[in-house]
C-alpha atoms as a PDB file:
ATOM      1  CA  UNK A   1      97.285  36.982  -0.533  1.00  0.00           C
ATOM      2  CA  UNK A   2      94.985  37.206  -3.149  1.00  0.00           C
ATOM      3  CA  UNK A   3      95.236  40.233  -5.461  1.00  0.00           C
ATOM      4  CA  UNK A   4      93.100  40.902  -8.499  1.00  0.00           C
ATOM      5  CA  UNK A   5      94.194  41.605 -11.795  1.00  0.00           C
ATOM      6  CA  UNK A   6      93.359  45.658 -10.809  1.00  0.00           C
ATOM      7  CA  UNK A   7      96.185  45.315  -8.445  1.00  0.00           C
ATOM      8  CA  UNK A   8      93.626  46.099  -5.586  1.00  0.00           C
ATOM      9  CA  UNK A   9      93.916  44.152  -2.358  1.00  0.00           C
ATOM     10  CA  UNK A  10      90.449  41.925  -1.478  1.00  0.00           C
ATOM     11  CA  UNK A  11      88.867  43.048   1.896  1.00  0.00           C
ATOM     12  CA  UNK A  12      89.728  39.101   2.826  1.00  0.00           C
ATOM     13  CA  UNK A  13      93.352  39.711   1.949  1.00  0.00           C
ATOM     14  CA  UNK A  14      93.509  43.254   3.565  1.00  0.00           C
ATOM     15  CA  UNK A  15      92.179  41.195   6.977  1.00  0.00           C
ATOM     16  CA  UNK A  16      94.647  38.755   6.919  1.00  0.00           C
ATOM     17  CA  UNK A  17      97.664  41.218   6.382  1.00  0.00           C
ATOM     18  CA  UNK A  18      96.648  43.165   8.956  1.00  0.00           C
ATOM     19  CA  UNK A  19      95.838  40.214  11.509  1.00  0.00           C
ATOM     20  CA  UNK A  20      99.487  38.862  10.372  1.00  0.00           C
ATOM     21  CA  UNK A  21     100.987  41.961  11.316  1.00  0.00           C
ATOM     22  CA  UNK A  22      99.183  42.005  14.699  1.00  0.00           C
ATOM     23  CA  UNK A  23     100.185  38.232  15.679  1.00  0.00           C
ATOM     24  CA  UNK A  24     103.517  39.139  14.505  1.00  0.00           C
ATOM     25  CA  UNK A  25     104.461  41.991  16.408  1.00  0.00           C
ATOM     26  CA  UNK A  26     102.153  41.748  19.736  1.00  0.00           C
ATOM     27  CA  UNK A  27     102.141  38.094  19.832  1.00  0.00           C
ATOM     28  CA  UNK A  28     105.900  38.171  19.945  1.00  0.00           C
ATOM     29  CA  UNK A  29     107.730  36.951  23.013  1.00  0.00           C
ATOM     30  CA  UNK A  30     109.398  40.378  23.362  1.00  0.00           C
ATOM     31  CA  UNK A  31     106.248  42.422  23.302  1.00  0.00           C
ATOM     32  CA  UNK A  32     104.963  40.082  25.808  1.00  0.00           C
ATOM     33  CA  UNK A  33     107.783  40.421  27.986  1.00  0.00           C
ATOM     34  CA  UNK A  34     107.655  44.115  27.457  1.00  0.00           C
ATOM     35  CA  UNK A  35     103.954  43.837  28.483  1.00  0.00           C
ATOM     36  CA  UNK A  36     104.495  41.316  31.397  1.00  0.00           C
ATOM     37  CA  UNK A  37     107.057  44.176  33.174  1.00  0.00           C
ATOM     38  CA  UNK A  38     104.218  46.060  34.563  1.00  0.00           C
ATOM     39  CA  UNK A  39     100.780  46.777  34.056  1.00  0.00           C
ATOM     40  CA  UNK A  40     100.477  48.266  30.723  1.00  0.00           C
ATOM     41  CA  UNK A  41      96.087  48.491  30.456  1.00  0.00           C
ATOM     42  CA  UNK A  42      93.814  46.073  29.256  1.00  0.00           C
ATOM     43  CA  UNK A  43      94.401  47.278  25.776  1.00  0.00           C
ATOM     44  CA  UNK A  44      98.134  46.690  25.352  1.00  0.00           C
ATOM     45  CA  UNK A  45      97.871  43.395  27.449  1.00  0.00           C
ATOM     46  CA  UNK A  46      94.754  42.439  25.398  1.00  0.00           C
ATOM     47  CA  UNK A  47      97.267  42.508  22.180  1.00  0.00           C
ATOM     48  CA  UNK A  48      99.834  40.142  23.386  1.00  0.00           C
ATOM     49  CA  UNK A  49      96.954  37.235  23.828  1.00  0.00           C
ATOM     50  CA  UNK A  50      97.577  35.421  20.706  1.00  0.00           C
ATOM     51  CA  UNK A  51     101.713  34.752  22.029  1.00  0.00           C
ATOM     52  CA  UNK A  52     103.311  32.755  19.786  1.00  0.00           C
ATOM     53  CA  UNK A  53     107.071  31.418  21.783  1.00  0.00           C
ATOM     54  CA  UNK A  54     110.127  29.177  21.031  1.00  0.00           C
ATOM     55  CA  UNK A  55     110.653  28.835  24.773  1.00  0.00           C
ATOM     56  CA  UNK A  56     112.743  25.540  25.302  1.00  0.00           C
ATOM     57  CA  UNK A  57     111.129  25.045  28.925  1.00  0.00           C
ATOM     58  CA  UNK A  58     107.790  24.910  27.593  1.00  0.00           C
ATOM     59  CA  UNK A  59     106.584  21.370  27.131  1.00  0.00           C
ATOM     60  CA  UNK A  60     106.161  20.682  23.391  1.00  0.00           C
ATOM     61  CA  UNK A  61     102.355  20.159  23.439  1.00  0.00           C
ATOM     62  CA  UNK A  62     102.140  23.639  24.899  1.00  0.00           C
ATOM     63  CA  UNK A  63     104.965  25.233  23.003  1.00  0.00           C
ATOM     64  CA  UNK A  64     103.055  23.646  19.339  1.00  0.00           C
ATOM     65  CA  UNK A  65      99.119  24.415  20.793  1.00  0.00           C
ATOM     66  CA  UNK A  66     100.416  28.700  21.644  1.00  0.00           C
ATOM     67  CA  UNK A  67     102.929  28.649  18.104  1.00  0.00           C
ATOM     68  CA  UNK A  68      99.591  26.832  16.139  1.00  0.00           C
ATOM     69  CA  UNK A  69      97.115  29.221  17.871  1.00  0.00           C
ATOM     70  CA  UNK A  70      98.689  31.821  16.277  1.00  0.00           C
ATOM     71  CA  UNK A  71      98.786  30.358  13.206  1.00  0.00           C
ATOM     72  CA  UNK A  72      95.172  29.272  12.834  1.00  0.00           C
ATOM     73  CA  UNK A  73      94.085  33.110  14.245  1.00  0.00           C
ATOM     74  CA  UNK A  74      95.540  34.220  10.821  1.00  0.00           C
ATOM     75  CA  UNK A  75      94.302  30.987   8.426  1.00  0.00           C
ATOM     76  CA  UNK A  76      90.879  31.181  10.256  1.00  0.00           C
ATOM     77  CA  UNK A  77      90.455  35.146   9.642  1.00  0.00           C
ATOM     78  CA  UNK A  78      90.907  34.877   5.890  1.00  0.00           C
ATOM     79  CA  UNK A  79      88.359  31.868   5.857  1.00  0.00           C
ATOM     80  CA  UNK A  80      86.251  34.077   7.788  1.00  0.00           C
ATOM     81  CA  UNK A  81      86.289  37.388   6.182  1.00  0.00           C
ATOM     82  CA  UNK A  82      85.949  35.331   2.531  1.00  0.00           C
ATOM     83  CA  UNK A  83      82.869  33.803   3.617  1.00  0.00           C
ATOM     84  CA  UNK A  84      81.496  36.840   5.484  1.00  0.00           C
ATOM     85  CA  UNK A  85      82.280  38.980   2.366  1.00  0.00           C
ATOM     86  CA  UNK A  86      79.704  36.880   0.304  1.00  0.00           C
ATOM     87  CA  UNK A  87      77.020  38.664   2.352  1.00  0.00           C
ATOM     88  CA  UNK A  88      77.917  41.975   1.702  1.00  0.00           C
ATOM     89  CA  UNK A  89      76.245  41.287  -1.685  1.00  0.00           C
ATOM     90  CA  UNK A  90      72.917  42.033  -0.389  1.00  0.00           C
ATOM     91  CA  UNK A  91      72.089  45.781   0.154  1.00  0.00           C
ATOM     92  CA  UNK A  92      73.935  46.476   3.360  1.00  0.00           C
ATOM     93  CA  UNK A  93      77.004  46.677   1.453  1.00  0.00           C
ATOM     94  CA  UNK A  94      78.467  49.964   2.853  1.00  0.00           C
ATOM     95  CA  UNK A  95      81.823  50.506   4.832  1.00  0.00           C
ATOM     96  CA  UNK A  96      80.159  49.640   8.064  1.00  0.00           C
ATOM     97  CA  UNK A  97      78.825  46.507   6.612  1.00  0.00           C
ATOM     98  CA  UNK A  98      82.735  45.750   5.637  1.00  0.00           C
ATOM     99  CA  UNK A  99      83.381  47.144   9.290  1.00  0.00           C
ATOM    100  CA  UNK A 100      81.556  44.564  10.716  1.00  0.00           C
ATOM    101  CA  UNK A 101      82.169  41.821   8.765  1.00  0.00           C
ATOM    102  CA  UNK A 102      86.028  42.154   9.811  1.00  0.00           C
ATOM    103  CA  UNK A 103      85.220  42.776  12.995  1.00  0.00           C
ATOM    104  CA  UNK A 104      83.300  39.690  13.646  1.00  0.00           C
ATOM    105  CA  UNK A 105      85.209  37.668  11.658  1.00  0.00           C
ATOM    106  CA  UNK A 106      88.440  38.278  13.963  1.00  0.00           C
ATOM    107  CA  UNK A 107      86.246  37.095  16.995  1.00  0.00           C
ATOM    108  CA  UNK A 108      85.133  33.951  15.364  1.00  0.00           C
ATOM    109  CA  UNK A 109      88.949  33.185  14.266  1.00  0.00           C
ATOM    110  CA  UNK A 110      90.463  33.768  17.590  1.00  0.00           C
ATOM    111  CA  UNK A 111      87.490  32.296  19.384  1.00  0.00           C
ATOM    112  CA  UNK A 112      87.409  29.399  16.964  1.00  0.00           C
ATOM    113  CA  UNK A 113      91.565  29.167  17.327  1.00  0.00           C
ATOM    114  CA  UNK A 114      91.564  29.107  21.067  1.00  0.00           C
ATOM    115  CA  UNK A 115      88.972  26.497  21.221  1.00  0.00           C
ATOM    116  CA  UNK A 116      91.211  23.677  18.609  1.00  0.00           C
ATOM    117  CA  UNK A 117      94.564  24.427  20.769  1.00  0.00           C
ATOM    118  CA  UNK A 118      92.929  23.989  23.528  1.00  0.00           C
ATOM    119  CA  UNK A 119      92.886  19.881  23.294  1.00  0.00           C
ATOM    120  CA  UNK A 120      96.526  20.471  22.243  1.00  0.00           C
ATOM    121  CA  UNK A 121      98.307  21.931  25.432  1.00  0.00           C
ATOM    122  CA  UNK A 122      99.462  19.146  27.668  1.00  0.00           C
ATOM    123  CA  UNK A 123      97.742  20.097  31.248  1.00  0.00           C
ATOM    124  CA  UNK A 124      94.134  20.760  29.768  1.00  0.00           C
ATOM    125  CA  UNK A 125      91.135  19.985  30.965  1.00  0.00           C
ATOM    126  CA  UNK A 126      88.581  19.218  28.019  1.00  0.00           C
ATOM    127  CA  UNK A 127      85.903  21.303  30.340  1.00  0.00           C
ATOM    128  CA  UNK A 128      88.013  24.567  29.566  1.00  0.00           C
ATOM    129  CA  UNK A 129      88.016  24.930  26.266  1.00  0.00           C
ATOM    130  CA  UNK A 130      84.866  26.530  26.113  1.00  0.00           C
ATOM    131  CA  UNK A 131      87.095  29.116  28.666  1.00  0.00           C
ATOM    132  CA  UNK A 132      89.800  29.376  26.074  1.00  0.00           C
ATOM    133  CA  UNK A 133      87.280  30.192  23.020  1.00  0.00           C
ATOM    134  CA  UNK A 134      85.834  32.843  25.704  1.00  0.00           C
ATOM    135  CA  UNK A 135      89.162  34.300  26.255  1.00  0.00           C
ATOM    136  CA  UNK A 136      89.583  34.304  22.093  1.00  0.00           C
ATOM    137  CA  UNK A 137      86.245  36.331  21.616  1.00  0.00           C
ATOM    138  CA  UNK A 138      87.048  38.695  24.054  1.00  0.00           C
ATOM    139  CA  UNK A 139      90.685  39.254  22.198  1.00  0.00           C
ATOM    140  CA  UNK A 140      88.709  39.517  18.766  1.00  0.00           C
ATOM    141  CA  UNK A 141      86.063  42.215  20.685  1.00  0.00           C
ATOM    142  CA  UNK A 142      88.670  44.049  22.303  1.00  0.00           C
ATOM    143  CA  UNK A 143      91.394  44.103  18.769  1.00  0.00           C
ATOM    144  CA  UNK A 144      89.065  43.460  16.110  1.00  0.00           C
ATOM    145  CA  UNK A 145      88.020  46.796  14.941  1.00  0.00           C
ATOM    146  CA  UNK A 146      91.753  47.120  13.707  1.00  0.00           C
ATOM    147  CA  UNK A 147      90.707  43.981  11.164  1.00  0.00           C
ATOM    148  CA  UNK A 148      87.619  45.704  10.577  1.00  0.00           C
ATOM    149  CA  UNK A 149      88.919  48.976   9.563  1.00  0.00           C
ATOM    150  CA  UNK A 150      91.247  46.917   7.102  1.00  0.00           C
ATOM    151  CA  UNK A 151      88.402  44.894   6.029  1.00  0.00           C
ATOM    152  CA  UNK A 152      86.763  48.344   5.049  1.00  0.00           C
ATOM    153  CA  UNK A 153      89.829  49.216   2.857  1.00  0.00           C
ATOM    154  CA  UNK A 154      89.401  45.880   0.744  1.00  0.00           C
ATOM    155  CA  UNK A 155      87.802  45.092  -2.207  1.00  0.00           C
ATOM    156  CA  UNK A 156      84.660  43.644  -1.539  1.00  0.00           C
ATOM    157  CA  UNK A 157      83.142  40.900  -4.434  1.00  0.00           C
END
């Protein structure tokens, strides 16, 4: 994570840290099992979308796709927040702008991670890659406000 000399976190590093925590905790197999046991509601179920796993019963391609999706979500979050934070050099540099940048960046990161990893999965028809990206966008829409709040807390360039 990038820190400046004043020991302030940048918006990109703060958003990435929160994305990492979201994926680590809510994408874990234990959380996923807890959510799948009963109906926990839309928000708690959606939090489990970037599920990573170490299940031996899955084909290797599906295992790789699930874990790579979680990793790419974190990496793309850093990339998109970094790219979009530069747009805040305009007049709209307030807290709402940082919130929306973090939220939108997380939506784009989730959609792109789902789209790219769809082609790795074992039984994945190529036509459904856009549907997978839509699922990532829905996850980013419902959960991305958390990353948006974290992006507000970070220092912008």
